């Protein structure tokens, strides 16, 4: 029996328009927070500084990204994204990073200013 390609279900054109209108009406009501540009740039700077700090601690411990990921129970790609400032971990994930690096959680944020 020949295998069939998976069927991709798409909304009809009208359905996509309805969803788009709903999104913008919800956004217009203020239900979705809009972050000012100056705050976004500050948040990006904090993310980059935090990532540099994680990288410094990882290298000081003589670990690879893969070794840290395994020790912290995270994916190596996530570690890479944190170090480059593309992702900001949640507090529980920061605690896992600190545990994987075998440092106090406070050391992760030393020198990171927002």
N, C-alpha and C. Protein backbone atom coordinates (compact mmCIF):
# COMPACT_ATOMS: atom_id res chain seq x y z
N UNK A 1 0.84 -1.17 0.00
CA UNK A 1 0.00 0.00 0.00
C UNK A 1 0.89 1.24 0.00
N UNK A 2 0.73 2.14 -0.94
CA UNK A 2 1.59 3.32 -1.02
C UNK A 2 1.31 4.27 0.15
N UNK A 3 2.38 4.87 0.65
CA UNK A 3 2.20 5.82 1.75
C UNK A 3 1.74 7.16 1.17
N UNK A 4 0.89 7.81 1.91
CA UNK A 4 0.36 9.08 1.47
C UNK A 4 1.07 10.21 2.22
N UNK A 5 1.24 11.30 1.53
CA UNK A 5 1.82 12.48 2.17
C UNK A 5 0.83 13.02 3.20
N UNK A 6 1.32 13.55 4.32
CA UNK A 6 0.40 14.09 5.32
C UNK A 6 -0.42 15.24 4.75
N UNK A 7 -1.65 15.30 5.15
CA UNK A 7 -2.56 16.34 4.69
C UNK A 7 -2.38 17.55 5.59
N UNK A 8 -2.10 18.69 5.01
CA UNK A 8 -1.96 19.92 5.78
C UNK A 8 -3.27 20.69 5.70
N UNK A 9 -3.86 20.88 6.83
CA UNK A 9 -5.13 21.61 6.87
C UNK A 9 -4.83 23.09 6.97
N UNK A 10 -5.48 23.83 6.12
CA UNK A 10 -5.31 25.28 6.13
C UNK A 10 -6.67 25.92 6.25
N UNK A 11 -6.67 27.03 6.92
CA UNK A 11 -7.91 27.78 7.00
C UNK A 11 -8.21 28.39 5.64
N UNK A 12 -9.48 28.46 5.29
CA UNK A 12 -9.80 29.18 4.07
C UNK A 12 -9.39 30.64 4.23
N UNK A 13 -9.25 31.31 3.13
CA UNK A 13 -8.79 32.69 3.14
C UNK A 13 -9.60 33.53 4.12
N UNK A 14 -10.91 33.33 4.16
CA UNK A 14 -11.76 34.12 5.05
C UNK A 14 -11.40 33.84 6.51
N UNK A 15 -11.08 32.60 6.83
CA UNK A 15 -10.73 32.24 8.21
C UNK A 15 -9.47 32.94 8.66
N UNK A 16 -8.49 33.01 7.77
CA UNK A 16 -7.24 33.70 8.12
C UNK A 16 -7.51 35.18 8.36
N UNK A 17 -8.38 35.78 7.54
CA UNK A 17 -8.72 37.19 7.72
C UNK A 17 -9.42 37.42 9.05
N UNK A 18 -10.29 36.51 9.45
CA UNK A 18 -11.00 36.65 10.73
C UNK A 18 -10.01 36.59 11.88
N UNK A 19 -9.08 35.66 11.83
CA UNK A 19 -8.09 35.54 12.89
C UNK A 19 -7.22 36.79 12.94
N UNK A 20 -6.83 37.30 11.78
CA UNK A 20 -6.00 38.50 11.75
C UNK A 20 -6.76 39.69 12.34
N UNK A 21 -8.04 39.85 11.98
CA UNK A 21 -8.83 40.95 12.53
C UNK A 21 -9.01 40.80 14.04
N UNK A 22 -9.22 39.58 14.50
CA UNK A 22 -9.38 39.32 15.93
C UNK A 22 -8.09 39.67 16.67
N UNK A 23 -6.95 39.27 16.11
CA UNK A 23 -5.65 39.58 16.74
C UNK A 23 -5.46 41.07 16.90
N UNK A 24 -5.72 41.84 15.84
CA UNK A 24 -5.51 43.27 15.92
C UNK A 24 -6.54 43.95 16.81
N UNK A 25 -7.75 43.42 16.89
CA UNK A 25 -8.73 44.03 17.80
C UNK A 25 -8.35 43.76 19.24
N UNK A 26 -7.85 42.57 19.56
CA UNK A 26 -7.39 42.26 20.92
C UNK A 26 -6.18 43.13 21.25
N UNK A 27 -5.27 43.27 20.30
CA UNK A 27 -4.08 44.10 20.51
C UNK A 27 -4.49 45.55 20.74
N UNK A 28 -5.48 46.03 19.99
CA UNK A 28 -5.95 47.40 20.13
C UNK A 28 -6.61 47.67 21.47
N UNK A 29 -7.18 46.64 22.10
CA UNK A 29 -7.81 46.81 23.40
C UNK A 29 -6.79 46.87 24.53
N UNK A 30 -5.53 46.64 24.21
CA UNK A 30 -4.51 46.70 25.24
C UNK A 30 -4.35 45.40 26.01
N UNK A 31 -4.96 44.33 25.52
CA UNK A 31 -4.85 43.04 26.21
C UNK A 31 -3.48 42.40 25.96
N UNK A 32 -2.81 42.82 24.91
CA UNK A 32 -1.47 42.33 24.60
C UNK A 32 -0.52 43.49 24.87
N UNK A 33 0.39 43.32 25.83
CA UNK A 33 1.27 44.45 26.16
C UNK A 33 2.18 44.84 25.01
N UNK A 34 2.31 46.11 24.80
CA UNK A 34 3.22 46.63 23.79
C UNK A 34 4.40 47.24 24.53
N UNK A 35 5.59 46.73 24.28
CA UNK A 35 6.78 47.17 24.99
C UNK A 35 7.42 48.31 24.21
N UNK A 36 7.66 49.45 24.89
CA UNK A 36 8.30 50.58 24.20
C UNK A 36 9.69 50.22 23.69
N UNK A 37 10.12 50.88 22.61
CA UNK A 37 11.40 50.57 21.97
C UNK A 37 12.57 50.70 22.92
N UNK A 38 12.60 51.74 23.78
CA UNK A 38 13.73 51.91 24.69
C UNK A 38 13.82 50.77 25.70
N UNK A 39 12.66 50.23 26.09
CA UNK A 39 12.67 49.10 27.03
C UNK A 39 13.14 47.82 26.32
N UNK A 40 12.74 47.64 25.06
CA UNK A 40 13.19 46.46 24.31
C UNK A 40 14.70 46.46 24.16
N UNK A 41 15.29 47.64 23.86
CA UNK A 41 16.74 47.69 23.69
C UNK A 41 17.45 47.44 25.01
N UNK A 42 16.88 47.93 26.12
CA UNK A 42 17.46 47.67 27.43
C UNK A 42 17.36 46.19 27.78
N UNK A 43 16.21 45.58 27.49
CA UNK A 43 16.03 44.15 27.75
C UNK A 43 17.01 43.32 26.93
N UNK A 44 17.25 43.73 25.69
CA UNK A 44 18.20 43.02 24.84
C UNK A 44 19.61 43.13 25.42
N UNK A 45 19.97 44.30 25.90
CA UNK A 45 21.29 44.48 26.50
C UNK A 45 21.46 43.60 27.73
N UNK A 46 20.40 43.48 28.54
CA UNK A 46 20.46 42.62 29.72
C UNK A 46 20.60 41.16 29.29
N UNK A 47 19.87 40.74 28.27
CA UNK A 47 19.95 39.36 27.79
C UNK A 47 21.35 39.04 27.29
N UNK A 48 21.96 39.97 26.57
CA UNK A 48 23.31 39.76 26.05
C UNK A 48 24.32 39.70 27.20
N UNK A 49 24.18 40.60 28.18
CA UNK A 49 25.09 40.61 29.33
C UNK A 49 24.95 39.33 30.15
N UNK A 50 23.71 38.86 30.32
CA UNK A 50 23.49 37.61 31.06
C UNK A 50 24.13 36.44 30.31
N UNK A 51 23.96 36.42 29.00
CA UNK A 51 24.55 35.35 28.19
C UNK A 51 26.06 35.34 28.29
N UNK A 52 26.67 36.52 28.28
CA UNK A 52 28.14 36.60 28.42
C UNK A 52 28.57 36.05 29.77
N UNK A 53 27.78 36.34 30.81
CA UNK A 53 28.11 35.86 32.15
C UNK A 53 28.02 34.34 32.21
N UNK A 54 26.99 33.77 31.61
CA UNK A 54 26.86 32.31 31.57
C UNK A 54 28.05 31.70 30.84
N UNK A 55 28.43 32.30 29.72
CA UNK A 55 29.57 31.80 28.95
C UNK A 55 30.87 31.87 29.76
N UNK A 56 31.08 33.01 30.46
CA UNK A 56 32.28 33.15 31.30
C UNK A 56 32.34 32.04 32.35
N UNK A 57 31.24 31.81 33.03
CA UNK A 57 31.21 30.79 34.09
C UNK A 57 31.39 29.39 33.51
N UNK A 58 30.80 29.16 32.33
CA UNK A 58 30.93 27.84 31.70
C UNK A 58 32.38 27.58 31.31
N UNK A 59 33.02 28.57 30.71
CA UNK A 59 34.42 28.40 30.30
C UNK A 59 35.34 28.28 31.51
N UNK A 60 35.04 29.04 32.58
CA UNK A 60 35.84 28.94 33.79
C UNK A 60 35.74 27.55 34.41
N UNK A 61 34.58 26.91 34.23
CA UNK A 61 34.39 25.56 34.74
C UNK A 61 34.96 24.51 33.79
N UNK A 62 35.45 24.95 32.62
CA UNK A 62 36.01 24.03 31.64
C UNK A 62 34.98 23.13 30.99
N UNK A 63 33.77 23.68 30.80
CA UNK A 63 32.67 22.89 30.23
C UNK A 63 32.37 23.33 28.81
N UNK A 64 31.88 22.39 28.02
CA UNK A 64 31.34 22.72 26.71
C UNK A 64 29.87 23.05 26.88
N UNK A 65 29.27 23.61 25.85
CA UNK A 65 27.83 23.87 25.90
C UNK A 65 27.05 22.57 26.08
N UNK A 66 27.51 21.52 25.43
CA UNK A 66 26.85 20.22 25.54
C UNK A 66 26.94 19.68 26.96
N UNK A 67 28.11 19.83 27.59
CA UNK A 67 28.29 19.34 28.96
C UNK A 67 27.40 20.12 29.93
N UNK A 68 27.32 21.44 29.75
CA UNK A 68 26.45 22.24 30.61
C UNK A 68 24.99 21.86 30.39
N UNK A 69 24.61 21.68 29.15
CA UNK A 69 23.24 21.30 28.85
C UNK A 69 22.88 19.98 29.53
N UNK A 70 23.77 19.02 29.46
CA UNK A 70 23.51 17.73 30.10
C UNK A 70 23.44 17.87 31.61
N UNK A 71 24.36 18.64 32.20
CA UNK A 71 24.39 18.81 33.65
C UNK A 71 23.15 19.55 34.16
N UNK A 72 22.64 20.47 33.35
CA UNK A 72 21.48 21.27 33.76
C UNK A 72 20.16 20.67 33.29
N UNK A 73 20.22 19.63 32.46
CA UNK A 73 18.99 19.03 31.94
C UNK A 73 18.31 19.91 30.91
N UNK A 74 19.11 20.60 30.11
CA UNK A 74 18.60 21.50 29.08
C UNK A 74 19.14 21.07 27.72
N UNK A 75 18.63 21.68 26.67
CA UNK A 75 19.08 21.35 25.32
C UNK A 75 20.29 22.21 24.97
N UNK A 76 21.30 21.66 24.28
CA UNK A 76 22.48 22.45 23.91
C UNK A 76 22.14 23.70 23.10
N UNK A 77 21.13 23.62 22.26
CA UNK A 77 20.73 24.79 21.47
C UNK A 77 20.22 25.90 22.38
N UNK A 78 19.53 25.53 23.45
CA UNK A 78 19.04 26.53 24.40
C UNK A 78 20.22 27.23 25.06
N UNK A 79 21.24 26.47 25.45
CA UNK A 79 22.43 27.06 26.07
C UNK A 79 23.07 28.04 25.10
N UNK A 80 23.21 27.65 23.85
CA UNK A 80 23.78 28.52 22.83
C UNK A 80 22.97 29.81 22.68
N UNK A 81 21.65 29.67 22.64
CA UNK A 81 20.79 30.85 22.49
C UNK A 81 20.86 31.77 23.70
N UNK A 82 20.99 31.20 24.89
CA UNK A 82 21.14 32.03 26.09
C UNK A 82 22.45 32.79 26.02
N UNK A 83 23.53 32.10 25.68
CA UNK A 83 24.84 32.75 25.63
C UNK A 83 24.91 33.86 24.58
N UNK A 84 24.13 33.75 23.52
CA UNK A 84 24.13 34.79 22.49
C UNK A 84 23.11 35.88 22.76
N UNK A 85 22.34 35.75 23.85
CA UNK A 85 21.34 36.75 24.20
C UNK A 85 20.05 36.62 23.44
N UNK A 86 19.83 35.48 22.78
CA UNK A 86 18.60 35.27 22.02
C UNK A 86 17.45 34.78 22.89
N UNK A 87 17.79 34.16 24.02
CA UNK A 87 16.77 33.63 24.94
C UNK A 87 17.10 34.10 26.34
N UNK A 88 16.07 34.38 27.12
CA UNK A 88 16.22 34.74 28.52
C UNK A 88 15.54 33.65 29.33
N UNK A 89 16.31 32.93 30.14
CA UNK A 89 15.71 31.81 30.88
C UNK A 89 14.82 32.29 32.02
N UNK A 90 13.85 31.46 32.38
CA UNK A 90 13.01 31.72 33.53
C UNK A 90 13.82 31.51 34.81
N UNK A 91 13.27 31.89 35.94
CA UNK A 91 13.99 31.72 37.21
C UNK A 91 14.28 30.24 37.48
N UNK A 92 13.32 29.33 37.32
CA UNK A 92 13.66 27.91 37.55
C UNK A 92 14.77 27.41 36.62
N UNK A 93 14.78 27.91 35.39
CA UNK A 93 15.83 27.50 34.45
C UNK A 93 17.17 28.10 34.85
N UNK A 94 17.16 29.33 35.38
CA UNK A 94 18.40 29.92 35.89
C UNK A 94 18.96 29.08 37.03
N UNK A 95 18.09 28.59 37.88
CA UNK A 95 18.54 27.74 38.99
C UNK A 95 19.14 26.43 38.46
N UNK A 96 18.57 25.89 37.40
CA UNK A 96 19.14 24.69 36.78
C UNK A 96 20.50 24.98 36.17
N UNK A 97 20.64 26.16 35.54
CA UNK A 97 21.94 26.56 35.00
C UNK A 97 22.98 26.67 36.11
N UNK A 98 22.60 27.32 37.21
CA UNK A 98 23.52 27.48 38.33
C UNK A 98 23.93 26.11 38.89
N UNK A 99 22.97 25.22 38.99
CA UNK A 99 23.27 23.88 39.49
C UNK A 99 24.20 23.15 38.52
N UNK A 100 23.96 23.27 37.24
CA UNK A 100 24.82 22.64 36.24
C UNK A 100 26.22 23.20 36.25
N UNK A 101 26.35 24.49 36.55
CA UNK A 101 27.66 25.14 36.61
C UNK A 101 28.31 24.98 37.98
N UNK A 102 27.54 24.46 38.94
CA UNK A 102 27.99 24.28 40.32
C UNK A 102 28.44 25.61 40.93
N UNK A 103 27.58 26.64 40.75
CA UNK A 103 27.82 27.95 41.34
C UNK A 103 26.53 28.39 42.03
N UNK A 104 26.66 29.37 42.91
CA UNK A 104 25.47 29.95 43.53
C UNK A 104 24.69 30.71 42.46
N UNK A 105 23.37 30.68 42.56
CA UNK A 105 22.53 31.32 41.54
C UNK A 105 22.84 32.81 41.40
N UNK A 106 23.22 33.46 42.49
CA UNK A 106 23.54 34.88 42.44
C UNK A 106 24.72 35.20 41.56
N UNK A 107 25.62 34.25 41.39
CA UNK A 107 26.79 34.49 40.54
C UNK A 107 26.39 34.64 39.08
N UNK A 108 25.26 34.09 38.69
CA UNK A 108 24.82 34.21 37.30
C UNK A 108 24.48 35.65 36.93
N UNK A 109 24.04 36.42 37.91
CA UNK A 109 23.61 37.78 37.60
C UNK A 109 24.59 38.84 38.10
N UNK A 110 25.70 38.45 38.65
CA UNK A 110 26.71 39.42 39.09
C UNK A 110 27.20 40.21 37.88
N UNK A 111 27.15 41.52 38.00
CA UNK A 111 27.64 42.38 36.93
C UNK A 111 26.65 42.61 35.81
N UNK A 112 25.48 41.97 35.87
CA UNK A 112 24.45 42.18 34.84
C UNK A 112 23.55 43.28 35.36
N UNK A 113 23.51 44.39 34.63
CA UNK A 113 22.70 45.53 35.06
C UNK A 113 21.60 45.81 34.06
N UNK A 114 20.45 46.20 34.57
CA UNK A 114 19.32 46.49 33.72
C UNK A 114 18.91 47.87 33.89
